[in-house]
Amino acid sequence: MAIRLMIVALFMLIAGCTTVATRSLPNVDSLAYQLSPGDRLRLDVFREDALSGEYAIDDAGFITLPLAGDVQAAGKTLARLRQDLQTLLSREYVRDARIAIDVVGYRPIYILGEVEKPGEYPYAEGMSVHGLVAKAGGFTYRANEHVVYIRHGRETEETAYRLTSGAAVLPGDTVRVGQRYF
C-alpha cells in the first residue's frame, strides 16, 4: 500500500513539473504593424481630392485607386505603402505627391477559453493581451494567468507565450486562455 502511495505521489510530482514551451510576446511599442486584408485605410493626397478617400484592403491584399488601379498593400507597413504610393503617383500622375495614410479600421481580434466573455472584439491601436482580457470581463477562476496561446492572423498554428504586462496583440489575432492545472 505504501509503495502505491509513493508511486502516485511521484507521478503527481512529475505531472506538476511539466511546462509548456513558451515565448515572450513583444511589447506593443516595438511592433511595426503590417497591413492585411480587411484593414481600412484613409488616404489623403495633398491637392488631389479625386485620389483621397477611404480604401479597404481586399482579400487579395490590394487597394484600388482611381487612375493608379490596384496597388499591393497587404504585408506592408504604413510607411512603406506611403513611400510606394508617392513613387507611383509622382511618376505617373501627380508631381511631387504628398500623401498621408492612416488605418481607420482594423480586423477584429478574438479571445477564447477561460475568460468571462469570450468572443470577437474590435482592435484598438496599441492593445495588449491584458487589455483584451479586461474587455472580455477578466479571467475565470480556472484560468492560467501566466500563459496564453495566440494564433496570428491567418496562421494555422497557435503559439504559447508567457503573459507579461506589455504583451501585444495585433488585428486578426486569436488569443486562447487555457486552464490551469493543480
N, C-alpha and C. Protein backbone atom coordinates (compact mmCIF):
# COMPACT_ATOMS: atom_id res chain seq x y z
N MET A 1 0.81 -1.19 0.00
CA MET A 1 0.00 0.00 0.00
C MET A 1 0.87 1.26 0.00
N ALA A 2 1.93 1.25 0.78
CA ALA A 2 2.82 2.40 0.86
C ALA A 2 3.52 2.64 -0.48
N ILE A 3 3.85 1.54 -1.17
CA ILE A 3 4.51 1.67 -2.47
C ILE A 3 3.57 2.33 -3.48
N ARG A 4 2.29 1.92 -3.47
CA ARG A 4 1.31 2.54 -4.37
C ARG A 4 1.20 4.04 -4.09
N LEU A 5 1.14 4.37 -2.83
CA LEU A 5 1.02 5.77 -2.45
C LEU A 5 2.24 6.56 -2.91
N MET A 6 3.43 5.98 -2.79
CA MET A 6 4.65 6.65 -3.24
C MET A 6 4.66 6.80 -4.76
N ILE A 7 4.19 5.79 -5.49
CA ILE A 7 4.15 5.86 -6.95
C ILE A 7 3.18 6.94 -7.40
N VAL A 8 2.00 6.98 -6.79
CA VAL A 8 1.01 8.01 -7.13
C VAL A 8 1.58 9.40 -6.82
N ALA A 9 2.23 9.56 -5.67
CA ALA A 9 2.82 10.84 -5.30
C ALA A 9 3.91 11.24 -6.28
N LEU A 10 4.73 10.27 -6.73
CA LEU A 10 5.78 10.53 -7.69
C LEU A 10 5.20 11.00 -9.02
N PHE A 11 4.15 10.32 -9.51
CA PHE A 11 3.51 10.72 -10.76
C PHE A 11 2.90 12.12 -10.65
N MET A 12 2.29 12.43 -9.52
CA MET A 12 1.72 13.77 -9.32
C MET A 12 2.81 14.83 -9.31
N LEU A 13 3.95 14.51 -8.71
CA LEU A 13 5.06 15.44 -8.67
C LEU A 13 5.60 15.68 -10.09
N ILE A 14 5.76 14.62 -10.84
CA ILE A 14 6.26 14.75 -12.22
C ILE A 14 5.27 15.52 -13.07
N ALA A 15 3.98 15.21 -12.95
CA ALA A 15 2.96 15.91 -13.74
C ALA A 15 2.91 17.39 -13.39
N GLY A 16 3.15 17.71 -12.14
CA GLY A 16 3.14 19.11 -11.71
C GLY A 16 4.33 19.88 -12.23
N CYS A 17 5.40 19.20 -12.63
CA CYS A 17 6.61 19.86 -13.11
C CYS A 17 6.60 20.09 -14.61
N THR A 18 5.63 19.53 -15.31
CA THR A 18 5.62 19.73 -16.76
C THR A 18 5.26 21.16 -17.08
N THR A 19 5.86 21.68 -18.12
CA THR A 19 5.59 23.05 -18.54
C THR A 19 5.38 23.08 -20.05
N VAL A 20 4.81 24.14 -20.51
CA VAL A 20 4.63 24.37 -21.93
C VAL A 20 5.79 25.23 -22.39
N ALA A 21 6.40 24.87 -23.53
CA ALA A 21 7.45 25.71 -24.08
C ALA A 21 6.81 27.02 -24.51
N THR A 22 7.28 28.12 -23.93
CA THR A 22 6.66 29.41 -24.20
C THR A 22 7.68 30.39 -24.73
N ARG A 23 7.18 31.42 -25.39
CA ARG A 23 7.99 32.52 -25.86
C ARG A 23 7.49 33.78 -25.16
N SER A 24 8.31 34.79 -25.19
CA SER A 24 7.87 36.09 -24.68
C SER A 24 7.23 36.85 -25.82
N LEU A 25 6.11 37.48 -25.56
CA LEU A 25 5.46 38.33 -26.55
C LEU A 25 6.21 39.66 -26.63
N PRO A 26 6.32 40.22 -27.82
CA PRO A 26 6.93 41.54 -27.92
C PRO A 26 6.03 42.59 -27.31
N ASN A 27 6.61 43.68 -26.86
CA ASN A 27 5.82 44.79 -26.34
C ASN A 27 5.13 45.51 -27.48
N VAL A 28 4.04 46.19 -27.16
CA VAL A 28 3.27 46.92 -28.15
C VAL A 28 4.15 47.93 -28.87
N ASP A 29 5.02 48.62 -28.15
CA ASP A 29 5.81 49.70 -28.73
C ASP A 29 6.78 49.22 -29.81
N SER A 30 7.20 47.97 -29.77
CA SER A 30 8.24 47.51 -30.68
C SER A 30 7.70 46.94 -31.99
N LEU A 31 6.39 47.00 -32.19
CA LEU A 31 5.81 46.39 -33.37
C LEU A 31 5.60 47.41 -34.49
N ALA A 32 5.96 47.02 -35.72
CA ALA A 32 5.66 47.80 -36.91
C ALA A 32 4.53 47.04 -37.61
N TYR A 33 3.32 47.55 -37.47
CA TYR A 33 2.14 46.83 -37.96
C TYR A 33 2.18 46.67 -39.47
N GLN A 34 1.96 45.44 -39.92
CA GLN A 34 1.86 45.16 -41.34
C GLN A 34 0.39 45.07 -41.72
N LEU A 35 0.04 45.77 -42.77
CA LEU A 35 -1.34 45.80 -43.25
C LEU A 35 -1.76 44.42 -43.75
N SER A 36 -3.07 44.15 -43.64
CA SER A 36 -3.61 42.85 -44.05
C SER A 36 -4.99 43.05 -44.65
N PRO A 37 -5.47 42.04 -45.41
CA PRO A 37 -6.83 42.12 -45.94
C PRO A 37 -7.84 42.35 -44.82
N GLY A 38 -8.79 43.23 -45.08
CA GLY A 38 -9.80 43.57 -44.09
C GLY A 38 -9.53 44.90 -43.40
N ASP A 39 -8.29 45.38 -43.44
CA ASP A 39 -7.99 46.69 -42.87
C ASP A 39 -8.57 47.78 -43.78
N ARG A 40 -8.99 48.89 -43.16
CA ARG A 40 -9.49 50.04 -43.91
C ARG A 40 -8.54 51.21 -43.72
N LEU A 41 -8.20 51.87 -44.83
CA LEU A 41 -7.23 52.96 -44.81
C LEU A 41 -7.88 54.28 -45.21
N ARG A 42 -7.38 55.36 -44.65
CA ARG A 42 -7.76 56.71 -45.08
C ARG A 42 -6.54 57.28 -45.78
N LEU A 43 -6.70 57.62 -47.05
CA LEU A 43 -5.62 58.13 -47.88
C LEU A 43 -5.92 59.58 -48.23
N ASP A 44 -5.00 60.47 -47.91
CA ASP A 44 -5.13 61.88 -48.26
C ASP A 44 -3.95 62.26 -49.15
N VAL A 45 -4.26 62.65 -50.39
CA VAL A 45 -3.24 63.10 -51.33
C VAL A 45 -3.40 64.62 -51.43
N PHE A 46 -2.38 65.33 -51.04
CA PHE A 46 -2.43 66.79 -51.00
C PHE A 46 -2.80 67.36 -52.36
N ARG A 47 -3.85 68.18 -52.38
CA ARG A 47 -4.38 68.85 -53.57
C ARG A 47 -4.91 67.91 -54.64
N GLU A 48 -5.27 66.69 -54.25
CA GLU A 48 -5.84 65.72 -55.20
C GLU A 48 -7.02 65.03 -54.55
N ASP A 49 -8.16 65.71 -54.50
CA ASP A 49 -9.35 65.16 -53.85
C ASP A 49 -9.84 63.88 -54.53
N ALA A 50 -9.62 63.75 -55.82
CA ALA A 50 -10.09 62.56 -56.54
C ALA A 50 -9.39 61.29 -56.06
N LEU A 51 -8.16 61.42 -55.56
CA LEU A 51 -7.42 60.26 -55.08
C LEU A 51 -7.58 60.04 -53.58
N SER A 52 -8.04 61.06 -52.88
CA SER A 52 -8.20 60.95 -51.43
C SER A 52 -9.49 60.22 -51.09
N GLY A 53 -9.47 59.47 -50.00
CA GLY A 53 -10.67 58.76 -49.56
C GLY A 53 -10.32 57.55 -48.71
N GLU A 54 -11.36 56.76 -48.40
CA GLU A 54 -11.18 55.52 -47.64
C GLU A 54 -11.11 54.35 -48.59
N TYR A 55 -10.19 53.45 -48.30
CA TYR A 55 -9.99 52.27 -49.14
C TYR A 55 -9.86 51.04 -48.24
N ALA A 56 -10.54 49.97 -48.63
CA ALA A 56 -10.43 48.70 -47.90
C ALA A 56 -9.43 47.82 -48.64
N ILE A 57 -8.62 47.11 -47.88
CA ILE A 57 -7.70 46.15 -48.48
C ILE A 57 -8.50 44.89 -48.76
N ASP A 58 -8.55 44.48 -50.04
CA ASP A 58 -9.36 43.32 -50.42
C ASP A 58 -8.68 42.02 -50.02
N ASP A 59 -9.38 40.90 -50.26
CA ASP A 59 -8.86 39.59 -49.85
C ASP A 59 -7.55 39.22 -50.55
N ALA A 60 -7.30 39.81 -51.71
CA ALA A 60 -6.05 39.55 -52.43
C ALA A 60 -4.92 40.45 -51.92
N GLY A 61 -5.24 41.43 -51.06
CA GLY A 61 -4.21 42.28 -50.49
C GLY A 61 -4.01 43.61 -51.20
N PHE A 62 -4.95 44.01 -52.06
CA PHE A 62 -4.81 45.22 -52.85
C PHE A 62 -5.82 46.29 -52.44
N ILE A 63 -5.46 47.55 -52.68
CA ILE A 63 -6.42 48.65 -52.66
C ILE A 63 -6.53 49.13 -54.11
N THR A 64 -7.69 49.61 -54.48
CA THR A 64 -7.91 50.07 -55.85
C THR A 64 -8.08 51.58 -55.83
N LEU A 65 -7.12 52.26 -56.47
CA LEU A 65 -7.13 53.72 -56.53
C LEU A 65 -7.59 54.20 -57.90
N PRO A 66 -8.33 55.31 -57.94
CA PRO A 66 -8.66 55.88 -59.25
C PRO A 66 -7.35 56.22 -59.98
N LEU A 67 -7.32 56.05 -61.24
CA LEU A 67 -6.17 56.29 -62.11
C LEU A 67 -5.05 55.26 -61.94
N ALA A 68 -4.65 54.99 -60.74
CA ALA A 68 -3.49 54.11 -60.50
C ALA A 68 -3.86 52.63 -60.54
N GLY A 69 -5.12 52.31 -60.30
CA GLY A 69 -5.55 50.91 -60.32
C GLY A 69 -5.23 50.18 -59.03
N ASP A 70 -4.95 48.88 -59.14
CA ASP A 70 -4.69 48.04 -57.97
C ASP A 70 -3.26 48.23 -57.47
N VAL A 71 -3.15 48.46 -56.17
CA VAL A 71 -1.84 48.65 -55.53
C VAL A 71 -1.74 47.66 -54.37
N GLN A 72 -0.66 46.88 -54.35
CA GLN A 72 -0.44 45.91 -53.27
C GLN A 72 -0.26 46.65 -51.95
N ALA A 73 -1.08 46.29 -50.94
CA ALA A 73 -0.98 46.93 -49.63
C ALA A 73 -0.68 45.92 -48.53
N ALA A 74 -1.20 44.71 -48.65
CA ALA A 74 -1.02 43.71 -47.60
C ALA A 74 0.45 43.35 -47.46
N GLY A 75 0.88 43.20 -46.21
CA GLY A 75 2.26 42.84 -45.92
C GLY A 75 3.19 44.03 -45.79
N LYS A 76 2.67 45.24 -46.03
CA LYS A 76 3.50 46.44 -45.94
C LYS A 76 3.13 47.23 -44.68
N THR A 77 4.10 47.98 -44.19
CA THR A 77 3.81 48.92 -43.12
C THR A 77 3.22 50.17 -43.75
N LEU A 78 2.64 51.04 -42.94
CA LEU A 78 2.10 52.30 -43.46
C LEU A 78 3.21 53.13 -44.13
N ALA A 79 4.38 53.16 -43.51
CA ALA A 79 5.49 53.94 -44.07
C ALA A 79 5.89 53.41 -45.44
N ARG A 80 5.96 52.10 -45.58
CA ARG A 80 6.34 51.50 -46.87
C ARG A 80 5.27 51.75 -47.94
N LEU A 81 3.99 51.60 -47.57
CA LEU A 81 2.90 51.86 -48.52
C LEU A 81 2.91 53.32 -48.94
N ARG A 82 3.11 54.24 -47.99
CA ARG A 82 3.17 55.67 -48.32
C ARG A 82 4.29 55.94 -49.31
N GLN A 83 5.44 55.34 -49.08
CA GLN A 83 6.59 55.53 -49.97
C GLN A 83 6.27 54.97 -51.36
N ASP A 84 5.70 53.78 -51.43
CA ASP A 84 5.35 53.17 -52.73
C ASP A 84 4.33 54.02 -53.49
N LEU A 85 3.31 54.52 -52.77
CA LEU A 85 2.29 55.35 -53.42
C LEU A 85 2.87 56.68 -53.89
N GLN A 86 3.74 57.27 -53.10
CA GLN A 86 4.37 58.53 -53.52
C GLN A 86 5.18 58.32 -54.79
N THR A 87 5.92 57.23 -54.86
CA THR A 87 6.71 56.93 -56.05
C THR A 87 5.80 56.70 -57.25
N LEU A 88 4.77 55.89 -57.09
CA LEU A 88 3.86 55.58 -58.19
C LEU A 88 3.13 56.82 -58.68
N LEU A 89 2.54 57.57 -57.76
CA LEU A 89 1.76 58.74 -58.16
C LEU A 89 2.64 59.86 -58.72
N SER A 90 3.83 60.06 -58.16
CA SER A 90 4.74 61.10 -58.66
C SER A 90 5.24 60.77 -60.06
N ARG A 91 5.45 59.51 -60.32
CA ARG A 91 5.96 59.09 -61.62
C ARG A 91 4.88 59.18 -62.69
N GLU A 92 3.64 58.86 -62.33
CA GLU A 92 2.59 58.70 -63.33
C GLU A 92 1.58 59.86 -63.38
N TYR A 93 1.19 60.41 -62.22
CA TYR A 93 0.00 61.25 -62.20
C TYR A 93 0.15 62.61 -61.54
N VAL A 94 0.85 62.68 -60.43
CA VAL A 94 0.88 63.89 -59.62
C VAL A 94 2.33 64.29 -59.39
N ARG A 95 2.65 65.53 -59.72
CA ARG A 95 4.01 65.99 -59.48
C ARG A 95 4.23 66.16 -57.97
N ASP A 96 5.30 65.60 -57.47
CA ASP A 96 5.67 65.70 -56.05
C ASP A 96 4.50 65.36 -55.12
N ALA A 97 3.99 64.16 -55.26
CA ALA A 97 2.83 63.72 -54.47
C ALA A 97 3.18 63.69 -52.98
N ARG A 98 2.31 64.32 -52.19
CA ARG A 98 2.44 64.27 -50.74
C ARG A 98 1.22 63.53 -50.20
N ILE A 99 1.49 62.46 -49.45
CA ILE A 99 0.42 61.53 -49.06
C ILE A 99 0.45 61.31 -47.55
N ALA A 100 -0.75 61.26 -46.98
CA ALA A 100 -0.92 60.87 -45.57
C ALA A 100 -1.81 59.63 -45.55
N ILE A 101 -1.41 58.62 -44.80
CA ILE A 101 -2.19 57.38 -44.70
C ILE A 101 -2.39 57.05 -43.23
N ASP A 102 -3.62 56.69 -42.90
CA ASP A 102 -3.95 56.24 -41.55
C ASP A 102 -4.83 55.00 -41.65
N VAL A 103 -4.70 54.12 -40.68
CA VAL A 103 -5.61 52.98 -40.58
C VAL A 103 -6.84 53.47 -39.83
N VAL A 104 -8.02 53.35 -40.46
CA VAL A 104 -9.26 53.79 -39.81
C VAL A 104 -10.07 52.61 -39.30
N GLY A 105 -9.71 51.42 -39.70
CA GLY A 105 -10.41 50.24 -39.21
C GLY A 105 -9.53 49.01 -39.33
N TYR A 106 -9.36 48.34 -38.19
CA TYR A 106 -8.56 47.12 -38.16
C TYR A 106 -9.46 45.90 -38.16
N ARG A 107 -8.89 44.75 -38.52
CA ARG A 107 -9.62 43.48 -38.38
C ARG A 107 -9.86 43.24 -36.90
N PRO A 108 -10.97 42.55 -36.56
CA PRO A 108 -11.24 42.29 -35.14
C PRO A 108 -10.27 41.26 -34.57
N ILE A 109 -10.21 41.21 -33.24
CA ILE A 109 -9.43 40.19 -32.56
C ILE A 109 -10.40 39.31 -31.78
N TYR A 110 -9.97 38.11 -31.46
CA TYR A 110 -10.83 37.13 -30.81
C TYR A 110 -10.15 36.62 -29.56
N ILE A 111 -10.96 36.35 -28.54
CA ILE A 111 -10.43 35.73 -27.33
C ILE A 111 -11.33 34.57 -26.95
N LEU A 112 -10.71 33.46 -26.65
CA LEU A 112 -11.41 32.21 -26.34
C LEU A 112 -10.89 31.65 -25.02
N GLY A 113 -11.61 30.69 -24.51
CA GLY A 113 -11.12 29.96 -23.34
C GLY A 113 -11.59 30.54 -22.03
N GLU A 114 -10.69 30.57 -21.06
CA GLU A 114 -11.02 30.87 -19.68
C GLU A 114 -11.07 32.37 -19.38
N VAL A 115 -12.00 33.05 -20.08
CA VAL A 115 -12.33 34.44 -19.77
C VAL A 115 -13.85 34.50 -19.59
N GLU A 116 -14.32 35.52 -18.92
CA GLU A 116 -15.75 35.62 -18.60
C GLU A 116 -16.63 35.77 -19.84
N LYS A 117 -16.18 36.55 -20.83
CA LYS A 117 -16.98 36.79 -22.04
C LYS A 117 -16.14 36.57 -23.29
N PRO A 118 -15.91 35.30 -23.67
CA PRO A 118 -15.14 35.05 -24.89
C PRO A 118 -15.90 35.57 -26.11
N GLY A 119 -15.15 35.93 -27.16
CA GLY A 119 -15.80 36.38 -28.39
C GLY A 119 -14.92 37.29 -29.22
N GLU A 120 -15.58 38.02 -30.11
CA GLU A 120 -14.91 38.95 -31.03
C GLU A 120 -14.94 40.35 -30.43
N TYR A 121 -13.80 41.05 -30.53
CA TYR A 121 -13.70 42.41 -30.01
C TYR A 121 -13.00 43.29 -31.04
N PRO A 122 -13.38 44.57 -31.10
CA PRO A 122 -12.69 45.47 -32.04
C PRO A 122 -11.27 45.74 -31.54
N TYR A 123 -10.35 45.81 -32.48
CA TYR A 123 -8.97 46.10 -32.14
C TYR A 123 -8.81 47.60 -31.94
N ALA A 124 -8.06 47.98 -30.94
CA ALA A 124 -7.68 49.38 -30.71
C ALA A 124 -6.15 49.44 -30.78
N GLU A 125 -5.64 50.46 -31.43
CA GLU A 125 -4.20 50.58 -31.62
C GLU A 125 -3.47 50.51 -30.28
N GLY A 126 -2.43 49.67 -30.23
CA GLY A 126 -1.63 49.52 -29.02
C GLY A 126 -2.24 48.58 -27.99
N MET A 127 -3.25 47.81 -28.36
CA MET A 127 -3.92 46.93 -27.40
C MET A 127 -2.98 45.81 -26.93
N SER A 128 -3.09 45.50 -25.66
CA SER A 128 -2.28 44.42 -25.08
C SER A 128 -3.19 43.23 -24.75
N VAL A 129 -2.57 42.10 -24.44
CA VAL A 129 -3.34 40.92 -24.05
C VAL A 129 -4.14 41.24 -22.78
N HIS A 130 -3.53 41.93 -21.83
CA HIS A 130 -4.25 42.29 -20.61
C HIS A 130 -5.46 43.18 -20.91
N GLY A 131 -5.32 44.11 -21.85
CA GLY A 131 -6.44 44.95 -22.26
C GLY A 131 -7.57 44.14 -22.87
N LEU A 132 -7.20 43.15 -23.69
CA LEU A 132 -8.20 42.28 -24.30
C LEU A 132 -8.90 41.43 -23.25
N VAL A 133 -8.15 40.90 -22.31
CA VAL A 133 -8.75 40.11 -21.22
C VAL A 133 -9.71 40.99 -20.41
N ALA A 134 -9.33 42.23 -20.17
CA ALA A 134 -10.21 43.15 -19.44
C ALA A 134 -11.51 43.39 -20.21
N LYS A 135 -11.41 43.58 -21.53
CA LYS A 135 -12.62 43.76 -22.34
C LYS A 135 -13.51 42.53 -22.27
N ALA A 136 -12.89 41.36 -22.13
CA ALA A 136 -13.63 40.11 -22.07
C ALA A 136 -14.10 39.78 -20.65
N GLY A 137 -14.06 40.73 -19.76
CA GLY A 137 -14.59 40.53 -18.42
C GLY A 137 -13.63 39.93 -17.43
N GLY A 138 -12.38 39.74 -17.81
CA GLY A 138 -11.38 39.19 -16.90
C GLY A 138 -11.28 37.67 -16.99
N PHE A 139 -10.32 37.14 -16.25
CA PHE A 139 -10.08 35.70 -16.23
C PHE A 139 -11.17 35.00 -15.41
N THR A 140 -11.46 33.74 -15.75
CA THR A 140 -12.30 32.91 -14.88
C THR A 140 -11.41 32.39 -13.75
N TYR A 141 -12.00 31.78 -12.77
CA TYR A 141 -11.21 31.26 -11.64
C TYR A 141 -10.31 30.10 -12.06
N ARG A 142 -10.60 29.45 -13.19
CA ARG A 142 -9.80 28.32 -13.66
C ARG A 142 -8.68 28.72 -14.61
N ALA A 143 -8.57 29.99 -14.93
CA ALA A 143 -7.64 30.44 -15.98
C ALA A 143 -6.18 30.32 -15.56
N ASN A 144 -5.35 29.96 -16.53
CA ASN A 144 -3.91 30.04 -16.37
C ASN A 144 -3.53 31.47 -16.73
N GLU A 145 -3.21 32.26 -15.74
CA GLU A 145 -2.95 33.68 -15.94
C GLU A 145 -1.50 33.98 -16.34
N HIS A 146 -0.72 32.94 -16.59
CA HIS A 146 0.70 33.12 -16.90
C HIS A 146 1.05 32.78 -18.33
N VAL A 147 0.21 32.01 -19.02
CA VAL A 147 0.49 31.59 -20.39
C VAL A 147 -0.77 31.78 -21.23
N VAL A 148 -0.61 32.34 -22.43
CA VAL A 148 -1.71 32.43 -23.39
C VAL A 148 -1.24 31.80 -24.70
N TYR A 149 -2.20 31.39 -25.49
CA TYR A 149 -1.92 30.79 -26.80
C TYR A 149 -2.46 31.74 -27.85
N ILE A 150 -1.61 32.10 -28.80
CA ILE A 150 -2.01 33.08 -29.82
C ILE A 150 -1.79 32.50 -31.22
N ARG A 151 -2.82 32.65 -32.04
CA ARG A 151 -2.72 32.35 -33.47
C ARG A 151 -2.78 33.70 -34.18
N HIS A 152 -1.70 34.06 -34.84
CA HIS A 152 -1.60 35.36 -35.51
C HIS A 152 -2.25 35.30 -36.89
N GLY A 153 -3.14 36.26 -37.14
CA GLY A 153 -3.73 36.44 -38.47
C GLY A 153 -4.26 35.17 -39.09
N ARG A 154 -3.71 34.83 -40.23
CA ARG A 154 -4.18 33.68 -41.00
C ARG A 154 -3.35 32.41 -40.75
N GLU A 155 -2.48 32.44 -39.72
CA GLU A 155 -1.68 31.24 -39.41
C GLU A 155 -2.61 30.12 -38.92
N THR A 156 -2.15 28.90 -39.07
CA THR A 156 -2.96 27.76 -38.62
C THR A 156 -2.52 27.22 -37.28
N GLU A 157 -1.31 27.50 -36.86
CA GLU A 157 -0.77 27.01 -35.60
C GLU A 157 -0.82 28.10 -34.54
N GLU A 158 -1.14 27.72 -33.31
CA GLU A 158 -1.06 28.69 -32.23
C GLU A 158 0.23 28.46 -31.47
N THR A 159 0.74 29.53 -30.88
CA THR A 159 1.99 29.50 -30.15
C THR A 159 1.74 29.91 -28.71
N ALA A 160 2.39 29.23 -27.77
CA ALA A 160 2.26 29.57 -26.35
C ALA A 160 3.22 30.71 -26.02
N TYR A 161 2.71 31.70 -25.27
CA TYR A 161 3.50 32.84 -24.86
C TYR A 161 3.34 33.08 -23.36
N ARG A 162 4.44 33.46 -22.71
CA ARG A 162 4.36 33.91 -21.32
C ARG A 162 3.66 35.26 -21.32
N LEU A 163 2.75 35.44 -20.41
CA LEU A 163 1.97 36.67 -20.35
C LEU A 163 2.72 37.70 -19.52
N THR A 164 3.08 38.81 -20.16
CA THR A 164 3.74 39.91 -19.48
C THR A 164 2.86 41.15 -19.57
N SER A 165 3.20 42.19 -18.83
CA SER A 165 2.33 43.36 -18.77
C SER A 165 2.19 44.09 -20.09
N GLY A 166 3.20 44.08 -20.95
CA GLY A 166 3.13 44.80 -22.21
C GLY A 166 2.89 43.91 -23.40
N ALA A 167 2.45 42.68 -23.18
CA ALA A 167 2.28 41.72 -24.27
C ALA A 167 1.25 42.23 -25.28
N ALA A 168 1.66 42.32 -26.53
CA ALA A 168 0.84 42.93 -27.57
C ALA A 168 -0.02 41.91 -28.33
N VAL A 169 -1.16 42.38 -28.81
CA VAL A 169 -1.96 41.63 -29.77
C VAL A 169 -2.07 42.50 -31.02
N LEU A 170 -2.29 41.85 -32.14
CA LEU A 170 -2.43 42.54 -33.41
C LEU A 170 -3.79 42.22 -34.02
N PRO A 171 -4.24 43.06 -34.93
CA PRO A 171 -5.53 42.79 -35.58
C PRO A 171 -5.52 41.39 -36.21
N GLY A 172 -6.64 40.70 -36.06
CA GLY A 172 -6.77 39.36 -36.62
C GLY A 172 -6.27 38.25 -35.72
N ASP A 173 -5.63 38.58 -34.60
CA ASP A 173 -5.12 37.56 -33.68
C ASP A 173 -6.28 36.83 -32.99
N THR A 174 -6.05 35.57 -32.68
CA THR A 174 -6.96 34.80 -31.83
C THR A 174 -6.17 34.40 -30.60
N VAL A 175 -6.65 34.83 -29.44
CA VAL A 175 -5.99 34.57 -28.16
C VAL A 175 -6.82 33.53 -27.42
N ARG A 176 -6.15 32.49 -26.93
CA ARG A 176 -6.84 31.48 -26.13
C ARG A 176 -6.19 31.42 -24.76
N VAL A 177 -7.03 31.53 -23.74
CA VAL A 177 -6.57 31.43 -22.36
C VAL A 177 -6.90 30.02 -21.89
N GLY A 178 -5.87 29.27 -21.53
CA GLY A 178 -6.06 27.89 -21.11
C GLY A 178 -6.40 27.76 -19.64
N GLN A 179 -6.67 26.53 -19.24
CA GLN A 179 -6.94 26.23 -17.84
C GLN A 179 -5.64 26.00 -17.10
N ARG A 180 -5.66 26.32 -15.83
CA ARG A 180 -4.51 25.97 -15.01
C ARG A 180 -4.77 24.58 -14.43
N TYR A 181 -3.71 23.88 -14.14
CA TYR A 181 -3.83 22.54 -13.58
C TYR A 181 -3.08 22.47 -12.27
N PHE A 182 -3.79 22.12 -11.22
CA PHE A 182 -3.14 21.90 -9.93
C PHE A 182 -4.06 21.19 -9.00
